[in-house]
């Protein structure tokens, strides 16, 4: 697939959905020539991004994330906004493709022209997001979407990366989760800006209310991420639409507070710096793995580690030594015919 960057950039800025999809395909590509084009495209579009409210949404499988996103998303559109949903699905270990296909579970939302839903496989990336979620988010903003939802794979210690690329982190929980889930909730609850106990309907209404009370008590022991914002814990039923209007009102109140206090600008500045270092780390690892003088030694060193002949730390040091310029000189000397 070839890309005319100027035409593509104009199409994205005009809100052309086909061009936006093609631009996302470009930035998700791992081809070296595509990576260079993707950087150029992002440089062109970055000045037009940044105006949306970015909301990360996480929760354990079965908590009803897709139903909640459809309910809240339709409300957001009814309020006159344009919504982009970046739905990150678990990946098949065989094909690498999405397993769940969230778009199929947001039938009503996906039909609305003001909404753009992009499901992507998580691949091998930890953090509940894809390798290029940040870039996709910026493209959606440049295309005129003023609300962006980032739905993560699930919930756990590795699902916190979404909190580092969004303005608000919304955590969905099930009624009556029990003490056995506290181990995974504690870490992620510290990052939450809004907690909702979903499925508060039918026989679960009382259980949801008790769970919300328990979470409010637990939050008293946790310092909020944003000064002056006491993390709300509410109940809702995405299936019946209960509590959805109140949720959006809380999101707007939060956005107003962090904007007026300057917290939004500070958070995004830190996010940009974090993004830069993540790109450096990823680039260094890619360069490391592709260097001929390193690549040819990897199989034998890995075998030595697997067989217990070499300690992993010593093996890593040996490979890193080859990565440095001095290692290149030593390798050249070793390769010279004697």
Protein backbone atom coordinates (compact mmCIF):
# COMPACT_ATOMS: atom_id res chain seq x y z
CA UNK A 1 0.00 0.00 0.00
CA UNK A 2 1.38 3.40 -1.04
CA UNK A 3 0.63 6.65 0.76
CA UNK A 4 0.58 10.24 -0.52
CA UNK A 5 1.22 12.02 2.77
CA UNK A 6 -0.04 15.44 1.74
CA UNK A 7 -3.30 14.03 0.39
CA UNK A 8 -3.65 11.77 3.41
CA UNK A 9 -3.08 14.63 5.86
CA UNK A 10 -5.65 16.82 4.09
CA UNK A 11 -8.15 13.98 4.18
CA UNK A 12 -7.66 13.40 7.90
CA UNK A 13 -8.04 17.10 8.68
CA UNK A 14 -11.23 17.16 6.62
CA UNK A 15 -12.61 14.34 8.76
CA UNK A 16 -12.60 11.81 5.92
CA UNK A 17 -13.10 8.45 7.65
CA UNK A 18 -11.47 6.45 4.87
CA UNK A 19 -8.33 8.59 5.01
CA UNK A 20 -8.32 8.37 8.82
CA UNK A 21 -8.45 4.57 8.60
CA UNK A 22 -5.61 4.55 6.04
CA UNK A 23 -3.56 6.88 8.25
CA UNK A 24 -4.02 4.55 11.23
CA UNK A 25 -3.02 1.58 9.07
CA UNK A 26 0.15 3.49 8.15
CA UNK A 27 1.16 4.26 11.73
CA UNK A 28 0.44 0.68 12.83
CA UNK A 29 2.73 -0.72 10.14
CA UNK A 30 6.11 -2.06 11.24
CA UNK A 31 7.77 -1.59 7.83
CA UNK A 32 10.75 0.73 8.09
CA UNK A 33 9.64 2.90 5.14
CA UNK A 34 6.15 3.16 6.61
CA UNK A 35 7.58 4.12 10.00
CA UNK A 36 9.40 7.08 8.40
CA UNK A 37 6.21 8.14 6.59
CA UNK A 38 4.21 7.76 9.80
CA UNK A 39 6.56 10.10 11.65
CA UNK A 40 6.22 12.66 8.86
CA UNK A 41 2.43 12.38 8.92
CA UNK A 42 2.28 12.81 12.70
CA UNK A 43 4.53 15.86 12.47
CA UNK A 44 2.09 17.42 9.99
CA UNK A 45 -1.01 16.60 12.04
CA UNK A 46 0.24 17.13 15.62
CA UNK A 47 -0.48 20.91 15.61
CA UNK A 48 -4.14 20.11 14.91
CA UNK A 49 -4.46 17.55 17.74
CA UNK A 50 -4.84 17.91 21.50
CA UNK A 51 -8.33 19.39 21.72
CA UNK A 52 -10.25 16.29 22.77
CA UNK A 53 -10.97 14.97 26.21
CA UNK A 54 -9.21 11.60 26.45
CA UNK A 55 -10.87 8.99 28.64
CA UNK A 56 -9.31 5.63 29.45
CA UNK A 57 -11.82 2.91 30.34
CA UNK A 58 -10.73 -0.31 32.02
CA UNK A 59 -12.31 -3.18 33.87
CA UNK A 60 -12.17 -6.95 34.23
CA UNK A 61 -13.55 -9.12 31.43
CA UNK A 62 -17.30 -9.46 31.89
CA UNK A 63 -17.75 -6.11 33.63
CA UNK A 64 -19.65 -4.75 30.62
CA UNK A 65 -17.14 -2.34 29.08
CA UNK A 66 -18.60 -2.53 25.57
CA UNK A 67 -22.18 -2.06 26.78
CA UNK A 68 -21.08 0.86 28.95
CA UNK A 69 -19.13 2.50 26.11
CA UNK A 70 -22.12 2.19 23.78
CA UNK A 71 -24.46 3.73 26.36
CA UNK A 72 -22.10 6.58 27.28
CA UNK A 73 -21.02 7.04 23.68
CA UNK A 74 -24.56 7.51 22.42
CA UNK A 75 -25.17 10.05 25.18
CA UNK A 76 -22.00 11.95 24.23
CA UNK A 77 -23.15 12.08 20.61
CA UNK A 78 -26.59 13.29 21.69
CA UNK A 79 -24.81 16.17 23.42
CA UNK A 80 -23.37 17.25 20.06
CA UNK A 81 -19.86 15.79 20.33
CA UNK A 82 -17.92 13.62 17.89
CA UNK A 83 -16.59 10.42 19.44
CA UNK A 84 -13.68 8.13 18.59
CA UNK A 85 -13.47 4.77 20.36
CA UNK A 86 -10.14 2.96 20.33
CA UNK A 87 -11.08 -0.55 21.41
CA UNK A 88 -8.08 -2.72 22.19
CA UNK A 89 -8.79 -6.45 22.02
CA UNK A 90 -6.76 -9.43 23.22
CA UNK A 91 -4.70 -10.95 20.42
CA UNK A 92 -4.70 -14.48 19.14
CA UNK A 93 -1.35 -16.12 19.79
CA UNK A 94 -1.66 -17.84 16.41
CA UNK A 95 -2.86 -15.16 14.00
CA UNK A 96 -2.12 -12.00 16.00
CA UNK A 97 -5.63 -10.73 15.24
CA UNK A 98 -8.31 -9.50 17.61
CA UNK A 99 -10.20 -12.21 19.47
CA UNK A 100 -13.23 -10.35 20.79
CA UNK A 101 -14.03 -7.80 18.09
CA UNK A 102 -15.57 -5.05 20.23
CA UNK A 103 -17.03 -3.24 17.22
CA UNK A 104 -19.56 -6.04 16.76
CA UNK A 105 -20.76 -5.49 20.33
CA UNK A 106 -21.37 -1.73 19.82
CA UNK A 107 -23.96 -2.16 17.11
CA UNK A 108 -25.96 1.03 17.69
CA UNK A 109 -22.92 3.24 18.25
CA UNK A 110 -21.11 1.91 15.18
CA UNK A 111 -24.03 2.95 12.96
CA UNK A 112 -23.84 6.62 13.94
CA UNK A 113 -21.88 8.84 11.52
CA UNK A 114 -20.48 11.00 14.35
CA UNK A 115 -18.73 7.99 15.89
CA UNK A 116 -15.54 6.28 14.75
CA UNK A 117 -14.70 2.89 16.25
CA UNK A 118 -11.29 1.35 15.67
CA UNK A 119 -10.72 -2.12 17.14
CA UNK A 120 -7.06 -3.16 17.22
CA UNK A 121 -5.29 -6.25 18.53
CA UNK A 122 -3.09 -5.63 21.57
CA UNK A 123 -0.32 -7.83 20.17
CA UNK A 124 2.52 -8.37 22.60
CA UNK A 125 2.23 -4.89 24.13
CA UNK A 126 1.60 -4.72 27.87
CA UNK A 127 -0.38 -1.92 29.43
CA UNK A 128 -3.75 -2.79 27.93
CA UNK A 129 -3.11 -0.70 24.83
CA UNK A 130 -1.52 -1.30 21.44
CA UNK A 131 1.97 -0.23 20.46
CA UNK A 132 0.54 2.74 18.52
CA UNK A 133 -2.48 3.79 20.57
CA UNK A 134 -1.01 7.25 21.27
CA UNK A 135 -0.51 7.97 17.57
CA UNK A 136 -4.01 6.73 16.74
CA UNK A 137 -5.43 9.01 19.41
CA UNK A 138 -3.69 12.04 17.91
CA UNK A 139 -4.94 11.20 14.42
CA UNK A 140 -8.52 10.99 15.70
CA UNK A 141 -8.16 14.40 17.35
CA UNK A 142 -6.76 15.88 14.14
CA UNK A 143 -9.79 14.46 12.31
CA UNK A 144 -12.08 16.52 14.56
CA UNK A 145 -13.17 14.02 17.20
CA UNK A 146 -13.45 15.95 20.45
CA UNK A 147 -14.04 12.96 22.76
CA UNK A 148 -11.83 9.87 22.66
CA UNK A 149 -12.43 6.67 24.60
CA UNK A 150 -9.54 4.21 24.96
CA UNK A 151 -10.89 0.84 26.06
CA UNK A 152 -8.23 -1.48 27.44
CA UNK A 153 -7.92 -5.26 27.23
CA UNK A 154 -8.77 -5.89 30.88
CA UNK A 155 -7.62 -4.95 34.34
CA UNK A 156 -4.46 -5.77 36.25
CA UNK A 157 -1.03 -4.46 37.16
CA UNK A 158 0.05 -4.26 33.51
CA UNK A 159 -3.10 -2.40 32.38
CA UNK A 160 -2.03 0.98 33.75
CA UNK A 161 -0.39 2.40 30.62
CA UNK A 162 -3.73 3.82 29.51
CA UNK A 163 -3.65 6.15 32.52
CA UNK A 164 -0.42 7.62 31.16
CA UNK A 165 -1.95 8.67 27.85
CA UNK A 166 -5.42 9.89 28.84
CA UNK A 167 -6.85 12.80 30.83
CA UNK A 168 -9.20 10.70 32.90
CA UNK A 169 -9.00 7.06 33.92
CA UNK A 170 -12.40 5.45 34.47
CA UNK A 171 -12.52 2.07 36.21
CA UNK A 172 -15.53 -0.24 35.89
CA UNK A 173 -16.07 -2.82 38.63
CA UNK A 174 -18.55 -5.62 39.23
CA UNK A 175 -20.90 -5.75 42.22
CA UNK A 176 -19.73 -7.99 45.05
CA UNK A 177 -16.26 -8.60 43.64
CA UNK A 178 -15.05 -10.08 46.89
CA UNK A 179 -11.73 -9.95 48.69
CA UNK A 180 -10.05 -12.29 46.19
CA UNK A 181 -9.90 -9.47 43.63
CA UNK A 182 -8.34 -6.89 45.90
CA UNK A 183 -4.83 -7.85 44.79
CA UNK A 184 -5.43 -6.63 41.25
CA UNK A 185 -7.70 -3.75 42.22
CA UNK A 186 -5.39 -1.95 44.61
CA UNK A 187 -2.78 -0.92 42.04
CA UNK A 188 -5.25 0.17 39.43
CA UNK A 189 -7.58 1.89 41.92
CA UNK A 190 -4.73 4.23 42.79
CA UNK A 191 -4.82 5.45 39.18
CA UNK A 192 -8.59 5.80 38.88
CA UNK A 193 -10.20 9.24 38.58
CA UNK A 194 -13.73 7.81 38.54
CA UNK A 195 -14.96 4.40 39.71
CA UNK A 196 -18.27 2.93 38.57
CA UNK A 197 -19.86 -0.26 39.86
CA UNK A 198 -21.71 -1.50 36.77
CA UNK A 199 -24.64 -3.92 36.44
CA UNK A 200 -26.53 -2.24 39.29
CA UNK A 201 -29.87 -3.60 38.13
CA UNK A 202 -32.35 -6.30 39.09
CA UNK A 203 -31.18 -8.43 41.97
CA UNK A 204 -27.73 -6.77 41.90
CA UNK A 205 -28.86 -3.29 42.99
CA UNK A 206 -28.25 -3.87 46.69
CA UNK A 207 -24.96 -5.68 46.06
CA UNK A 208 -23.74 -2.85 43.83
CA UNK A 209 -24.59 -0.27 46.50
CA UNK A 210 -22.68 -2.25 49.14
CA UNK A 211 -19.69 -2.62 46.81
CA UNK A 212 -19.65 1.11 46.09
CA UNK A 213 -19.68 1.82 49.82
CA UNK A 214 -16.74 -0.56 50.33
CA UNK A 215 -14.75 1.09 47.55
CA UNK A 216 -15.41 4.55 48.94
CA UNK A 217 -14.05 3.39 52.28
CA UNK A 218 -10.97 1.88 50.60
CA UNK A 219 -10.29 5.10 48.70
CA UNK A 220 -9.92 7.03 51.96
CA UNK A 221 -6.58 5.26 52.34
CA UNK A 222 -5.42 6.20 48.84
CA UNK A 223 -4.18 9.64 47.87
CA UNK A 224 -6.04 10.97 44.79
CA UNK A 225 -3.91 11.52 41.69
CA UNK A 226 -5.30 15.03 41.24
CA UNK A 227 -5.19 17.50 44.10
CA UNK A 228 -8.65 18.71 45.02
CA UNK A 229 -10.46 15.87 43.30
CA UNK A 230 -12.02 13.23 45.53
CA UNK A 231 -12.49 10.19 43.33
CA UNK A 232 -16.25 9.57 42.97
CA UNK A 233 -17.57 6.00 43.33
CA UNK A 234 -20.98 5.57 41.73
CA UNK A 235 -23.26 2.75 40.64
CA UNK A 236 -24.68 2.43 37.15
CA UNK A 237 -26.45 0.07 34.80
CA UNK A 238 -25.15 0.43 31.27
CA UNK A 239 -27.74 -2.07 30.09
CA UNK A 240 -30.63 0.02 31.40
CA UNK A 241 -28.97 3.41 30.92
CA UNK A 242 -29.08 4.28 34.61
CA UNK A 243 -26.34 6.56 35.94
CA UNK A 244 -24.96 7.31 32.47
CA UNK A 245 -26.04 10.96 32.41
CA UNK A 246 -24.50 11.47 35.87
CA UNK A 247 -21.28 9.83 34.66
CA UNK A 248 -20.95 12.29 31.78
CA UNK A 249 -21.65 15.20 34.12
CA UNK A 250 -18.80 14.02 36.38
CA UNK A 251 -16.47 13.72 33.38
CA UNK A 252 -17.27 17.29 32.33
CA UNK A 253 -16.78 18.54 35.90
CA UNK A 254 -13.39 16.79 36.09
CA UNK A 255 -12.28 18.17 32.73
CA UNK A 256 -13.25 21.70 33.79
CA UNK A 257 -11.33 21.34 37.05
CA UNK A 258 -8.06 20.02 35.58
CA UNK A 259 -8.17 22.58 32.76
CA UNK A 260 -8.70 25.58 35.03
CA UNK A 261 -6.07 24.40 37.53
CA UNK A 262 -3.42 23.80 34.88
CA UNK A 263 -3.27 20.09 35.75
CA UNK A 264 -4.26 19.11 32.19
CA UNK A 265 -1.31 20.94 30.68
CA UNK A 266 1.12 19.51 33.24
CA UNK A 267 -0.17 15.97 32.73
CA UNK A 268 0.08 16.13 28.95
CA UNK A 269 3.60 17.55 29.16
CA UNK A 270 4.65 14.58 31.30
CA UNK A 271 2.90 12.21 28.92
CA UNK A 272 4.78 13.65 25.96
CA UNK A 273 8.11 13.20 27.74
CA UNK A 274 7.21 9.63 28.74
CA UNK A 275 6.22 8.88 25.15
CA UNK A 276 9.59 10.11 23.89
CA UNK A 277 11.52 7.81 26.23
CA UNK A 278 9.32 4.85 25.35
CA UNK A 279 10.09 5.43 21.68
CA UNK A 280 13.81 5.63 22.47
CA UNK A 281 13.66 2.37 24.43
CA UNK A 282 11.73 0.62 21.65
CA UNK A 283 14.10 1.98 18.99
CA UNK A 284 17.20 0.90 20.90
CA UNK A 285 15.83 -2.60 21.41
CA UNK A 286 15.00 -2.90 17.70
CA UNK A 287 18.49 -1.68 16.72
CA UNK A 288 20.06 -4.02 19.25
CA UNK A 289 18.23 -7.06 17.91
CA UNK A 290 19.02 -6.27 14.28
CA UNK A 291 22.78 -5.70 14.58
CA UNK A 292 24.60 -8.47 12.75
CA UNK A 293 27.35 -8.75 15.34
CA UNK A 294 24.70 -9.29 18.01
CA UNK A 295 22.16 -11.29 16.03
CA UNK A 296 24.58 -14.10 15.19
CA UNK A 297 25.49 -14.59 18.85
CA UNK A 298 21.95 -14.56 20.23
CA UNK A 299 21.07 -18.25 19.51
CA UNK A 300 24.19 -19.63 21.22
CA UNK A 301 23.89 -17.28 24.22
CA UNK A 302 20.18 -18.04 24.60
CA UNK A 303 21.00 -21.76 24.50
CA UNK A 304 23.67 -21.32 27.16
CA UNK A 305 21.18 -19.50 29.40
CA UNK A 306 18.49 -22.14 28.83
CA UNK A 307 20.90 -24.94 29.73
CA UNK A 308 22.09 -23.15 32.85
CA UNK A 309 25.64 -22.74 31.55
CA UNK A 310 25.49 -18.93 31.70
CA UNK A 311 23.74 -16.69 34.19
CA UNK A 312 21.11 -14.45 32.51
CA UNK A 313 22.76 -11.28 33.87
CA UNK A 314 26.15 -12.35 32.50
CA UNK A 315 24.59 -13.22 29.13
CA UNK A 316 22.87 -9.84 28.95
CA UNK A 317 26.13 -8.08 29.82
CA UNK A 318 27.92 -10.00 27.07
CA UNK A 319 25.40 -8.97 24.43
CA UNK A 320 25.31 -5.37 25.65
CA UNK A 321 29.08 -5.28 25.47
CA UNK A 322 28.83 -6.12 21.77
CA UNK A 323 26.31 -3.30 21.35
CA UNK A 324 28.83 -0.64 22.36
CA UNK A 325 31.30 0.77 19.79
CA UNK A 326 34.18 -0.94 21.61
CA UNK A 327 32.36 -4.23 21.13
CA UNK A 328 32.23 -3.60 17.40
CA UNK A 329 36.02 -3.13 17.30
CA UNK A 330 36.57 -6.35 19.24
CA UNK A 331 34.25 -8.22 16.90
CA UNK A 332 36.13 -6.95 13.85
CA UNK A 333 39.39 -8.05 15.36
CA UNK A 334 37.95 -11.49 16.13
CA UNK A 335 36.69 -11.82 12.54
CA UNK A 336 40.07 -11.04 10.94
CA UNK A 337 41.74 -14.10 9.38
CA UNK A 338 44.70 -15.29 11.42
